Amino acid sequence: MGIITPSLSIVSNADTATTKAGPQSMALSMSGLSFDLTCDKVHHTTYTVDTSSTKILDGSKLATANLLPHDLSFGATGTDDTNEGEGGTYGSYLFFYNKSTVDSGTTNVIYIGVDHDGGSGELQDDDQVDDGSAATRLFTLKCGEFAFLPFDYTMDIFADANLADQKLETWHWRRSAS
């Protein structure tokens, strides 16, 4: 078992500043948001994301087999179990980072979405498909953007991109059961 300590600090100038003007009328300095998270395993990888959806996390297999994503890619056989337990029973913390660079003036973006266990995972870049036949896009990462979030293993996570050969760095910390 180990501890990770994420922290968040957000600063901006007032909108009247001559350099790096902020979006509001006053300067902002928000810091001190820091907390300890107990984790017992970690996995790091960088994916090359293309223009077709790729499953990067299989929630039900990760929850029931007590595995990490790389365990599944090396042939471990997690069982698909749609009963992931009450909130807080299983879970992890995820970090996604778009490592791509700007290509010929076009901003490269990576889409992150979820789908139900066994779903198609086909992400839409323009809208959500309401009939449940495709994955739900949660967010889009532009070059250099990142996201840190908890994940309860209740769905599968997919990645897609607007152009081929995008780089998505991921970290997965499994929440400790103790």
Protein backbone atom coordinates (compact mmCIF):
# COMPACT_ATOMS: atom_id res chain seq x y z
CA MET A 1 0.00 0.00 0.00
CA GLY A 2 1.24 3.49 -0.83
CA ILE A 3 0.14 7.10 -0.82
CA ILE A 4 -0.17 9.54 -3.72
CA THR A 5 -0.86 13.21 -2.99
CA PRO A 6 -2.47 15.14 -5.84
CA SER A 7 -2.67 18.89 -5.45
CA LEU A 8 -4.26 21.65 -7.47
CA SER A 9 -3.27 25.27 -7.84
CA ILE A 10 -5.03 27.69 -10.22
CA VAL A 11 -3.79 31.24 -10.80
CA SER A 12 -4.75 33.94 -13.27
CA ASN A 13 -4.28 37.66 -13.70
CA ALA A 14 -7.17 40.13 -13.85
CA ASP A 15 -8.66 40.72 -17.29
CA THR A 16 -6.96 44.15 -17.32
CA ALA A 17 -3.42 42.73 -17.09
CA THR A 18 -1.06 43.63 -19.93
CA THR A 19 0.42 40.11 -20.07
CA LYS A 20 -1.51 36.89 -19.68
CA ALA A 21 -4.80 38.65 -19.03
CA GLY A 22 -7.23 36.47 -17.09
CA PRO A 23 -10.89 35.77 -17.80
CA GLN A 24 -12.29 37.65 -14.77
CA SER A 25 -12.11 41.17 -13.36
CA MET A 26 -9.87 40.20 -10.44
CA ALA A 27 -6.69 38.17 -10.09
CA LEU A 28 -7.13 34.63 -8.81
CA SER A 29 -4.78 32.55 -6.70
CA MET A 30 -6.38 29.32 -5.55
CA SER A 31 -4.03 26.81 -3.98
CA GLY A 32 -3.78 24.40 -1.13
CA LEU A 33 -6.15 21.79 -2.53
CA SER A 34 -4.15 18.73 -1.61
CA PHE A 35 -5.11 15.32 -0.26
CA ASP A 36 -3.64 11.87 0.34
CA LEU A 37 -4.99 8.89 -1.59
CA THR A 38 -4.18 5.32 -0.58
CA CYS A 39 -3.30 3.08 -3.53
CA ASP A 40 -1.86 -0.41 -3.75
CA LYS A 41 -0.88 -0.74 -7.44
CA VAL A 42 0.03 1.60 -10.28
CA HIS A 43 0.22 1.25 -14.06
CA HIS A 44 1.62 3.74 -16.58
CA THR A 45 1.52 3.56 -20.37
CA THR A 46 1.46 5.73 -23.46
CA TYR A 47 -1.04 4.84 -26.17
CA THR A 48 -0.86 5.78 -29.82
CA VAL A 49 -4.45 6.80 -30.52
CA ASP A 50 -5.78 6.76 -34.07
CA THR A 51 -9.07 7.76 -35.68
CA SER A 52 -10.94 4.66 -34.54
CA SER A 53 -12.00 3.97 -30.96
CA THR A 54 -9.72 1.89 -28.77
CA LYS A 55 -10.71 0.38 -25.42
CA ILE A 56 -8.07 1.41 -22.91
CA LEU A 57 -9.75 0.23 -19.67
CA ASP A 58 -12.18 -2.67 -19.22
CA GLY A 59 -13.96 -1.74 -16.01
CA SER A 60 -15.66 -5.01 -15.13
CA LYS A 61 -12.51 -7.09 -15.67
CA LEU A 62 -10.39 -4.70 -13.62
CA ALA A 63 -12.84 -4.70 -10.71
CA THR A 64 -13.52 -8.39 -10.37
CA ALA A 65 -10.06 -9.77 -11.07
CA ASN A 66 -8.17 -7.33 -8.83
CA LEU A 67 -5.94 -6.57 -11.81
CA LEU A 68 -4.37 -3.59 -13.54
CA PRO A 69 -4.72 -2.82 -17.27
CA HIS A 70 -1.32 -4.27 -18.16
CA ASP A 71 -2.25 -7.55 -16.44
CA LEU A 72 -5.12 -7.98 -18.91
CA SER A 73 -2.91 -7.12 -21.90
CA PHE A 74 -0.48 -9.88 -20.88
CA GLY A 75 -3.14 -12.57 -21.01
CA ALA A 76 -4.60 -12.50 -17.50
CA THR A 77 -8.24 -13.53 -17.60
CA GLY A 78 -10.39 -11.16 -15.65
CA THR A 79 -14.02 -12.21 -15.48
CA ASP A 80 -16.65 -9.91 -16.92
CA ASP A 81 -18.85 -9.19 -13.94
CA THR A 82 -21.38 -6.38 -14.11
CA ASN A 83 -21.76 -6.27 -10.31
CA GLU A 84 -18.89 -3.93 -9.44
CA GLY A 85 -20.28 -3.34 -5.97
CA GLU A 86 -21.49 -0.34 -4.04
CA GLY A 87 -19.77 2.98 -4.75
CA GLY A 88 -16.31 3.00 -3.18
CA THR A 89 -16.04 -0.83 -3.20
CA TYR A 90 -13.63 -0.95 -6.16
CA GLY A 91 -11.99 1.82 -8.04
CA SER A 92 -8.99 3.78 -9.07
CA TYR A 93 -7.63 7.19 -9.97
CA LEU A 94 -6.83 8.03 -13.58
CA PHE A 95 -4.58 10.61 -15.18
CA PHE A 96 -4.82 11.32 -18.92
CA TYR A 97 -2.36 13.60 -20.72
CA ASN A 98 -2.38 14.52 -24.43
CA LYS A 99 1.33 14.42 -25.34
CA SER A 100 0.66 15.20 -29.00
CA THR A 101 2.18 18.21 -30.69
CA VAL A 102 0.59 20.68 -33.07
CA ASP A 103 0.75 19.28 -36.60
CA SER A 104 0.82 21.73 -39.53
CA GLY A 105 -1.23 24.28 -37.61
CA THR A 106 -4.01 21.79 -36.81
CA THR A 107 -4.72 21.21 -33.15
CA ASN A 108 -4.63 17.48 -32.47
CA VAL A 109 -7.31 16.34 -30.06
CA ILE A 110 -8.01 13.09 -28.22
CA TYR A 111 -11.54 12.11 -27.21
CA ILE A 112 -12.10 10.13 -24.00
CA GLY A 113 -15.42 8.37 -23.53
CA VAL A 114 -17.24 5.57 -21.75
CA ASP A 115 -19.52 2.76 -22.84
CA HIS A 116 -21.38 0.04 -20.97
CA ASP A 117 -19.66 -3.33 -20.49
CA GLY A 118 -19.47 -5.04 -23.85
CA GLY A 119 -20.50 -1.90 -25.76
CA SER A 120 -19.15 -0.94 -29.18
CA GLY A 121 -17.07 1.93 -27.81
CA GLU A 122 -17.48 3.87 -31.02
CA LEU A 123 -16.95 7.49 -29.96
CA GLN A 124 -18.60 10.37 -31.79
CA ASP A 125 -16.56 13.53 -32.24
CA ASP A 126 -19.53 15.85 -32.70
CA ASP A 127 -22.46 14.67 -30.56
CA GLN A 128 -23.73 11.96 -28.24
CA VAL A 129 -25.72 9.11 -29.75
CA ASP A 130 -28.80 8.98 -27.53
CA ASP A 131 -29.92 5.43 -28.34
CA GLY A 132 -27.00 3.82 -26.46
CA SER A 133 -25.47 2.38 -29.65
CA ALA A 134 -22.19 4.26 -29.21
CA ALA A 135 -19.94 5.45 -26.43
CA THR A 136 -20.53 8.69 -24.54
CA ARG A 137 -17.76 11.24 -25.02
CA LEU A 138 -16.82 12.58 -21.57
CA PHE A 139 -14.20 15.10 -22.61
CA THR A 140 -11.70 16.16 -25.25
CA LEU A 141 -8.01 16.79 -24.55
CA LYS A 142 -6.20 19.32 -26.73
CA CYS A 143 -2.40 19.24 -26.98
CA GLY A 144 -0.86 19.57 -23.52
CA GLU A 145 -4.18 19.24 -21.67
CA PHE A 146 -4.74 16.68 -18.91
CA ALA A 147 -7.42 15.24 -16.65
CA PHE A 148 -7.27 13.58 -13.23
CA LEU A 149 -10.37 11.75 -12.00
CA PRO A 150 -11.63 8.85 -9.89
CA PHE A 151 -12.98 5.79 -11.74
CA ASP A 152 -15.30 3.18 -10.18
CA TYR A 153 -14.85 0.44 -12.87
CA THR A 154 -18.57 0.56 -13.73
CA MET A 155 -17.94 1.16 -17.45
CA ASP A 156 -15.28 0.71 -20.12
CA ILE A 157 -13.11 3.67 -21.15
CA PHE A 158 -12.27 4.37 -24.79
CA ALA A 159 -9.97 6.78 -26.60
CA ASP A 160 -10.26 8.16 -30.13
CA ALA A 161 -8.59 11.05 -31.99
CA ASN A 162 -9.26 13.47 -34.81
CA LEU A 163 -5.97 12.54 -36.55
CA ALA A 164 -3.80 9.42 -36.57
CA ASP A 165 -0.79 8.87 -34.29
CA GLN A 166 -1.84 10.97 -31.28
CA LYS A 167 0.01 10.28 -28.01
CA LEU A 168 -2.06 9.69 -24.86
CA GLU A 169 -0.13 9.13 -21.64
CA THR A 170 -2.11 7.39 -18.90
CA TRP A 171 -1.58 6.61 -15.25
CA HIS A 172 -3.85 4.25 -13.34
CA TRP A 173 -3.60 3.97 -9.55
CA ARG A 174 -5.75 1.25 -8.00
CA ARG A 175 -7.57 2.47 -4.90
CA SER A 176 -6.47 0.43 -1.90
CA ALA A 177 -9.10 -1.80 -0.31
CA SER A 178 -7.68 -1.10 3.13
